[in-house]
Every structure is written in structure tokens, then in C-alpha cells.
């Protein structure tokens, strides 16, 4: 029963996270993110993760956690404070829309 509830709650949160988001605004907002997270969300900074292709739910939760102080980083804790909830949703929609492919390494 608990597993079903968790899955159902996750699906509801995921569907709410992308509802009403403005990807065009997210793209514009992403210019400030590109300094650390790279153009199109592909970071060249070893301290900053790639954002492209991450789930919108994960990006939203992470940014809100920085805003609430539940997560700490010398840069992100400051940057996240300036974002509205709409900005968070728009950025999450933008970065989650990237489609990445992987190539298995040859041995």
C-alpha cells in the first residue's frame, strides 16, 4: 500500500511540476546558469553538475531545497534565493526538455 501511495504521489508531483511552465522564459533565465552549468546545461566546471536532461521534478526540488536552506552550496544558496516559483518551474521545464544520448564505452 505504501509503495503505491509513493508512486502515485510522485506522479502527481511530476505532472504538477511541468504544468504551466514557460520553456522560452526558462531558456532566457538559463543564461545566468550557464556561467557554472555550461551552455545548454552541459557543465565544464567539475564542481557544477550537468542540468540538461534531468527531470523537472528533480530540478525543482533541488532549487527549492537551496531556497529553504535544506541544501547548501556557496553559489547555489545565493542564486536560488532570487528565483520565484515560476522561475524555478520555467528553468526546470527548459533543462528537462533536453534529450541526451549515451554511447556505451568500447572495451
C-alpha atoms as a PDB file:
ATOM      1  CA  UNK A   1       0.000   0.000   0.000  1.00  0.00           C
ATOM      2  CA  UNK A   2       2.761   2.459   0.943  1.00  0.00           C
ATOM      3  CA  UNK A   3       4.643   1.771  -2.284  1.00  0.00           C
ATOM      4  CA  UNK A   4       1.510   2.512  -4.323  1.00  0.00           C
ATOM      5  CA  UNK A   5       0.964   5.762  -2.445  1.00  0.00           C
ATOM      6  CA  UNK A   6       4.573   6.858  -3.036  1.00  0.00           C
ATOM      7  CA  UNK A   7       4.365   6.142  -6.747  1.00  0.00           C
ATOM      8  CA  UNK A   8       1.014   7.910  -7.023  1.00  0.00           C
ATOM      9  CA  UNK A   9       2.301  10.940  -5.134  1.00  0.00           C
ATOM     10  CA  UNK A  10       5.370  11.065  -7.368  1.00  0.00           C
ATOM     11  CA  UNK A  11       3.223  11.009 -10.479  1.00  0.00           C
ATOM     12  CA  UNK A  12       1.033  13.805  -9.169  1.00  0.00           C
ATOM     13  CA  UNK A  13       4.066  15.941  -8.292  1.00  0.00           C
ATOM     14  CA  UNK A  14       5.670  15.253 -11.665  1.00  0.00           C
ATOM     15  CA  UNK A  15       2.556  16.261 -13.561  1.00  0.00           C
ATOM     16  CA  UNK A  16       2.157  19.418 -11.474  1.00  0.00           C
ATOM     17  CA  UNK A  17       5.792  20.381 -11.922  1.00  0.00           C
ATOM     18  CA  UNK A  18       5.563  20.790 -15.675  1.00  0.00           C
ATOM     19  CA  UNK A  19       2.070  22.310 -15.691  1.00  0.00           C
ATOM     20  CA  UNK A  20       2.063  25.921 -16.849  1.00  0.00           C
ATOM     21  CA  UNK A  21       5.835  26.228 -17.237  1.00  0.00           C
ATOM     22  CA  UNK A  22       7.223  28.596 -19.862  1.00  0.00           C
ATOM     23  CA  UNK A  23      10.201  26.991 -21.582  1.00  0.00           C
ATOM     24  CA  UNK A  24      11.029  30.185 -23.508  1.00  0.00           C
ATOM     25  CA  UNK A  25      11.343  32.073 -20.226  1.00  0.00           C
ATOM     26  CA  UNK A  26      13.345  29.151 -18.830  1.00  0.00           C
ATOM     27  CA  UNK A  27      15.766  29.440 -21.738  1.00  0.00           C
ATOM     28  CA  UNK A  28      16.184  33.168 -21.060  1.00  0.00           C
ATOM     29  CA  UNK A  29      16.706  32.548 -17.336  1.00  0.00           C
ATOM     30  CA  UNK A  30      19.248  29.827 -18.083  1.00  0.00           C
ATOM     31  CA  UNK A  31      21.760  32.463 -19.245  1.00  0.00           C
ATOM     32  CA  UNK A  32      22.635  33.115 -15.591  1.00  0.00           C
ATOM     33  CA  UNK A  33      23.041  29.366 -15.012  1.00  0.00           C
ATOM     34  CA  UNK A  34      25.355  28.886 -17.983  1.00  0.00           C
ATOM     35  CA  UNK A  35      28.288  30.507 -16.182  1.00  0.00           C
ATOM     36  CA  UNK A  36      28.643  27.417 -13.978  1.00  0.00           C
ATOM     37  CA  UNK A  37      26.423  24.780 -15.605  1.00  0.00           C
ATOM     38  CA  UNK A  38      27.543  25.447 -19.177  1.00  0.00           C
ATOM     39  CA  UNK A  39      25.757  26.338 -22.368  1.00  0.00           C
ATOM     40  CA  UNK A  40      22.701  24.139 -22.798  1.00  0.00           C
ATOM     41  CA  UNK A  41      23.227  22.710 -19.319  1.00  0.00           C
ATOM     42  CA  UNK A  42      26.429  20.812 -20.094  1.00  0.00           C
ATOM     43  CA  UNK A  43      28.961  21.866 -17.471  1.00  0.00           C
ATOM     44  CA  UNK A  44      32.700  22.155 -17.953  1.00  0.00           C
ATOM     45  CA  UNK A  45      33.140  23.081 -14.286  1.00  0.00           C
ATOM     46  CA  UNK A  46      33.974  19.967 -12.219  1.00  0.00           C
ATOM     47  CA  UNK A  47      32.094  21.451  -9.231  1.00  0.00           C
ATOM     48  CA  UNK A  48      28.876  22.041 -11.183  1.00  0.00           C
ATOM     49  CA  UNK A  49      26.634  19.238 -12.424  1.00  0.00           C
ATOM     50  CA  UNK A  50      25.105  18.949 -15.870  1.00  0.00           C
ATOM     51  CA  UNK A  51      21.474  20.071 -15.854  1.00  0.00           C
ATOM     52  CA  UNK A  52      20.439  19.050 -19.368  1.00  0.00           C
ATOM     53  CA  UNK A  53      18.117  16.077 -19.375  1.00  0.00           C
ATOM     54  CA  UNK A  54      17.477  15.965 -15.627  1.00  0.00           C
ATOM     55  CA  UNK A  55      13.868  15.513 -14.605  1.00  0.00           C
ATOM     56  CA  UNK A  56      11.890  18.698 -13.979  1.00  0.00           C
ATOM     57  CA  UNK A  57      10.806  17.352 -10.604  1.00  0.00           C
ATOM     58  CA  UNK A  58      14.429  16.847  -9.516  1.00  0.00           C
ATOM     59  CA  UNK A  59      15.481  20.337 -10.664  1.00  0.00           C
ATOM     60  CA  UNK A  60      12.518  21.978  -8.933  1.00  0.00           C
ATOM     61  CA  UNK A  61      13.071  20.097  -5.683  1.00  0.00           C
ATOM     62  CA  UNK A  62      16.770  20.898  -5.687  1.00  0.00           C
ATOM     63  CA  UNK A  63      16.230  24.615  -6.256  1.00  0.00           C
ATOM     64  CA  UNK A  64      13.534  24.798  -3.570  1.00  0.00           C
ATOM     65  CA  UNK A  65      15.826  22.923  -1.173  1.00  0.00           C
ATOM     66  CA  UNK A  66      18.506  25.594  -1.767  1.00  0.00           C
ATOM     67  CA  UNK A  67      15.919  28.311  -1.171  1.00  0.00           C
ATOM     68  CA  UNK A  68      14.798  26.737   2.112  1.00  0.00           C
ATOM     69  CA  UNK A  69      18.375  26.085   3.283  1.00  0.00           C
ATOM     70  CA  UNK A  70      17.842  22.311   3.249  1.00  0.00           C
ATOM     71  CA  UNK A  71      20.717  22.127   0.793  1.00  0.00           C
ATOM     72  CA  UNK A  72      23.838  24.303   0.903  1.00  0.00           C
ATOM     73  CA  UNK A  73      26.314  25.416  -1.740  1.00  0.00           C
ATOM     74  CA  UNK A  74      28.421  28.571  -1.719  1.00  0.00           C
ATOM     75  CA  UNK A  75      26.978  29.682  -5.073  1.00  0.00           C
ATOM     76  CA  UNK A  76      23.589  27.985  -5.429  1.00  0.00           C
ATOM     77  CA  UNK A  77      22.346  29.027  -1.993  1.00  0.00           C
ATOM     78  CA  UNK A  78      22.643  32.655  -3.138  1.00  0.00           C
ATOM     79  CA  UNK A  79      21.421  32.215  -6.723  1.00  0.00           C
ATOM     80  CA  UNK A  80      18.317  30.212  -5.794  1.00  0.00           C
ATOM     81  CA  UNK A  81      17.084  32.955  -3.444  1.00  0.00           C
ATOM     82  CA  UNK A  82      16.459  35.297  -6.389  1.00  0.00           C
ATOM     83  CA  UNK A  83      14.175  32.820  -8.190  1.00  0.00           C
ATOM     84  CA  UNK A  84      10.389  32.881  -7.945  1.00  0.00           C
ATOM     85  CA  UNK A  85       8.494  29.592  -8.005  1.00  0.00           C
ATOM     86  CA  UNK A  86       7.541  30.376 -11.614  1.00  0.00           C
ATOM     87  CA  UNK A  87      11.237  30.890 -12.458  1.00  0.00           C
ATOM     88  CA  UNK A  88      12.037  27.535 -10.857  1.00  0.00           C
ATOM     89  CA  UNK A  89       9.331  25.789 -12.902  1.00  0.00           C
ATOM     90  CA  UNK A  90      10.431  27.523 -16.114  1.00  0.00           C
ATOM     91  CA  UNK A  91      14.088  26.580 -15.619  1.00  0.00           C
ATOM     92  CA  UNK A  92      13.111  23.010 -14.780  1.00  0.00           C
ATOM     93  CA  UNK A  93      10.973  22.775 -17.925  1.00  0.00           C
ATOM     94  CA  UNK A  94      13.812  24.134 -20.070  1.00  0.00           C
ATOM     95  CA  UNK A  95      16.561  21.853 -18.784  1.00  0.00           C
ATOM     96  CA  UNK A  96      14.369  18.744 -18.597  1.00  0.00           C
ATOM     97  CA  UNK A  97      13.393  19.163 -22.265  1.00  0.00           C
ATOM     98  CA  UNK A  98      16.913  18.354 -23.471  1.00  0.00           C
ATOM     99  CA  UNK A  99      17.279  14.860 -24.871  1.00  0.00           C
ATOM    100  CA  UNK A 100      20.629  13.236 -24.255  1.00  0.00           C
ATOM    101  CA  UNK A 101      22.073  10.129 -25.777  1.00  0.00           C
ATOM    102  CA  UNK A 102      24.778   7.932 -24.375  1.00  0.00           C
ATOM    103  CA  UNK A 103      27.310   5.723 -26.025  1.00  0.00           C
ATOM    104  CA  UNK A 104      28.460   2.650 -24.208  1.00  0.00           C
ATOM    105  CA  UNK A 105      32.252   2.584 -23.968  1.00  0.00           C
ATOM    106  CA  UNK A 106      34.029   0.011 -26.086  1.00  0.00           C
ATOM    107  CA  UNK A 107      36.201  -2.452 -24.218  1.00  0.00           C
END
